[in-house]
C-alpha atoms as a PDB file:
ATOM      1  CA  UNK A   1     207.177 131.825 158.131  1.00  0.00           C
ATOM      2  CA  UNK A   2     210.764 131.423 156.933  1.00  0.00           C
ATOM      3  CA  UNK A   3     212.708 128.228 157.473  1.00  0.00           C
ATOM      4  CA  UNK A   4     216.420 128.550 158.079  1.00  0.00           C
ATOM      5  CA  UNK A   5     219.018 126.510 156.236  1.00  0.00           C
ATOM      6  CA  UNK A   6     219.809 124.620 159.415  1.00  0.00           C
ATOM      7  CA  UNK A   7     216.136 123.719 159.914  1.00  0.00           C
ATOM      8  CA  UNK A   8     215.793 122.589 156.286  1.00  0.00           C
ATOM      9  CA  UNK A   9     218.998 120.578 156.392  1.00  0.00           C
ATOM     10  CA  UNK A  10     218.009 118.977 159.700  1.00  0.00           C
ATOM     11  CA  UNK A  11     214.582 118.091 158.321  1.00  0.00           C
ATOM     12  CA  UNK A  12     216.134 116.539 155.208  1.00  0.00           C
ATOM     13  CA  UNK A  13     218.647 114.577 157.296  1.00  0.00           C
ATOM     14  CA  UNK A  14     215.918 113.310 159.622  1.00  0.00           C
ATOM     15  CA  UNK A  15     213.702 112.293 156.694  1.00  0.00           C
ATOM     16  CA  UNK A  16     216.529 110.332 155.110  1.00  0.00           C
ATOM     17  CA  UNK A  17     217.370 108.650 158.417  1.00  0.00           C
ATOM     18  CA  UNK A  18     213.701 107.701 158.920  1.00  0.00           C
ATOM     19  CA  UNK A  19     213.436 106.301 155.391  1.00  0.00           C
ATOM     20  CA  UNK A  20     216.584 104.260 155.901  1.00  0.00           C
ATOM     21  CA  UNK A  21     215.053 102.739 159.014  1.00  0.00           C
ATOM     22  CA  UNK A  22     211.973 101.902 156.957  1.00  0.00           C
ATOM     23  CA  UNK A  23     214.094 100.352 154.234  1.00  0.00           C
ATOM     24  CA  UNK A  24     213.483 103.132 151.708  1.00  0.00           C
ATOM     25  CA  UNK A  25     216.795 104.176 150.200  1.00  0.00           C
ATOM     26  CA  UNK A  26     215.962 106.237 147.112  1.00  0.00           C
ATOM     27  CA  UNK A  27     216.958 109.531 148.742  1.00  0.00           C
ATOM     28  CA  UNK A  28     220.090 107.942 150.159  1.00  0.00           C
ATOM     29  CA  UNK A  29     221.781 108.586 146.807  1.00  0.00           C
ATOM     30  CA  UNK A  30     221.522 112.316 147.461  1.00  0.00           C
ATOM     31  CA  UNK A  31     224.432 112.122 149.873  1.00  0.00           C
ATOM     32  CA  UNK A  32     226.431 109.860 147.550  1.00  0.00           C
ATOM     33  CA  UNK A  33     226.390 112.475 144.780  1.00  0.00           C
ATOM     34  CA  UNK A  34     229.657 114.440 145.095  1.00  0.00           C
ATOM     35  CA  UNK A  35     228.255 117.409 143.176  1.00  0.00           C
ATOM     36  CA  UNK A  36     225.281 117.660 145.527  1.00  0.00           C
ATOM     37  CA  UNK A  37     227.535 117.377 148.570  1.00  0.00           C
ATOM     38  CA  UNK A  38     229.778 120.104 147.199  1.00  0.00           C
ATOM     39  CA  UNK A  39     226.791 122.398 146.725  1.00  0.00           C
ATOM     40  CA  UNK A  40     225.462 121.726 150.213  1.00  0.00           C
ATOM     41  CA  UNK A  41     228.890 122.386 151.711  1.00  0.00           C
ATOM     42  CA  UNK A  42     229.208 125.664 149.821  1.00  0.00           C
ATOM     43  CA  UNK A  43     225.774 126.780 150.997  1.00  0.00           C
ATOM     44  CA  UNK A  44     226.649 125.819 154.574  1.00  0.00           C
ATOM     45  CA  UNK A  45     229.638 128.200 154.487  1.00  0.00           C
ATOM     46  CA  UNK A  46     227.459 131.202 153.582  1.00  0.00           C
ATOM     47  CA  UNK A  47     226.011 133.665 156.024  1.00  0.00           C
ATOM     48  CA  UNK A  48     222.479 133.084 157.307  1.00  0.00           C
ATOM     49  CA  UNK A  49     220.810 135.661 155.067  1.00  0.00           C
ATOM     50  CA  UNK A  50     222.382 134.269 151.890  1.00  0.00           C
ATOM     51  CA  UNK A  51     221.450 130.712 152.900  1.00  0.00           C
ATOM     52  CA  UNK A  52     217.853 131.757 153.431  1.00  0.00           C
ATOM     53  CA  UNK A  53     217.698 133.452 150.021  1.00  0.00           C
ATOM     54  CA  UNK A  54     219.122 130.384 148.303  1.00  0.00           C
ATOM     55  CA  UNK A  55     216.713 128.041 150.080  1.00  0.00           C
ATOM     56  CA  UNK A  56     213.797 130.310 149.235  1.00  0.00           C
ATOM     57  CA  UNK A  57     214.751 130.147 145.545  1.00  0.00           C
ATOM     58  CA  UNK A  58     215.274 126.376 145.642  1.00  0.00           C
ATOM     59  CA  UNK A  59     211.913 125.872 147.355  1.00  0.00           C
ATOM     60  CA  UNK A  60     210.238 128.007 144.676  1.00  0.00           C
ATOM     61  CA  UNK A  61     211.793 125.922 141.886  1.00  0.00           C
ATOM     62  CA  UNK A  62     210.753 122.685 143.578  1.00  0.00           C
ATOM     63  CA  UNK A  63     207.161 123.908 143.908  1.00  0.00           C
ATOM     64  CA  UNK A  64     207.171 124.996 140.270  1.00  0.00           C
ATOM     65  CA  UNK A  65     208.373 121.597 139.045  1.00  0.00           C
ATOM     66  CA  UNK A  66     205.866 119.766 141.230  1.00  0.00           C
ATOM     67  CA  UNK A  67     203.018 121.912 139.930  1.00  0.00           C
ATOM     68  CA  UNK A  68     204.177 121.404 136.356  1.00  0.00           C
ATOM     69  CA  UNK A  69     204.240 117.640 136.892  1.00  0.00           C
ATOM     70  CA  UNK A  70     200.773 117.662 138.433  1.00  0.00           C
ATOM     71  CA  UNK A  71     199.436 119.722 135.527  1.00  0.00           C
ATOM     72  CA  UNK A  72     200.910 117.214 133.069  1.00  0.00           C
ATOM     73  CA  UNK A  73     198.832 114.357 134.539  1.00  0.00           C
END
């Protein structure tokens, strides 16, 4: 099952909003980082297929880092 960029972005936005309501603000800095905002804006301008490929690659890197960190414990 593939997740579209819009679905991923919406999920991220909703998670951040929920954490703000709970008083957790660590991820809030994500949207204060101008480089991250620039990247997200550039991805948003791309066509759907390119967005999906980029998100697929990003998700793979995130999983890899998480697994590496778990293995290091």
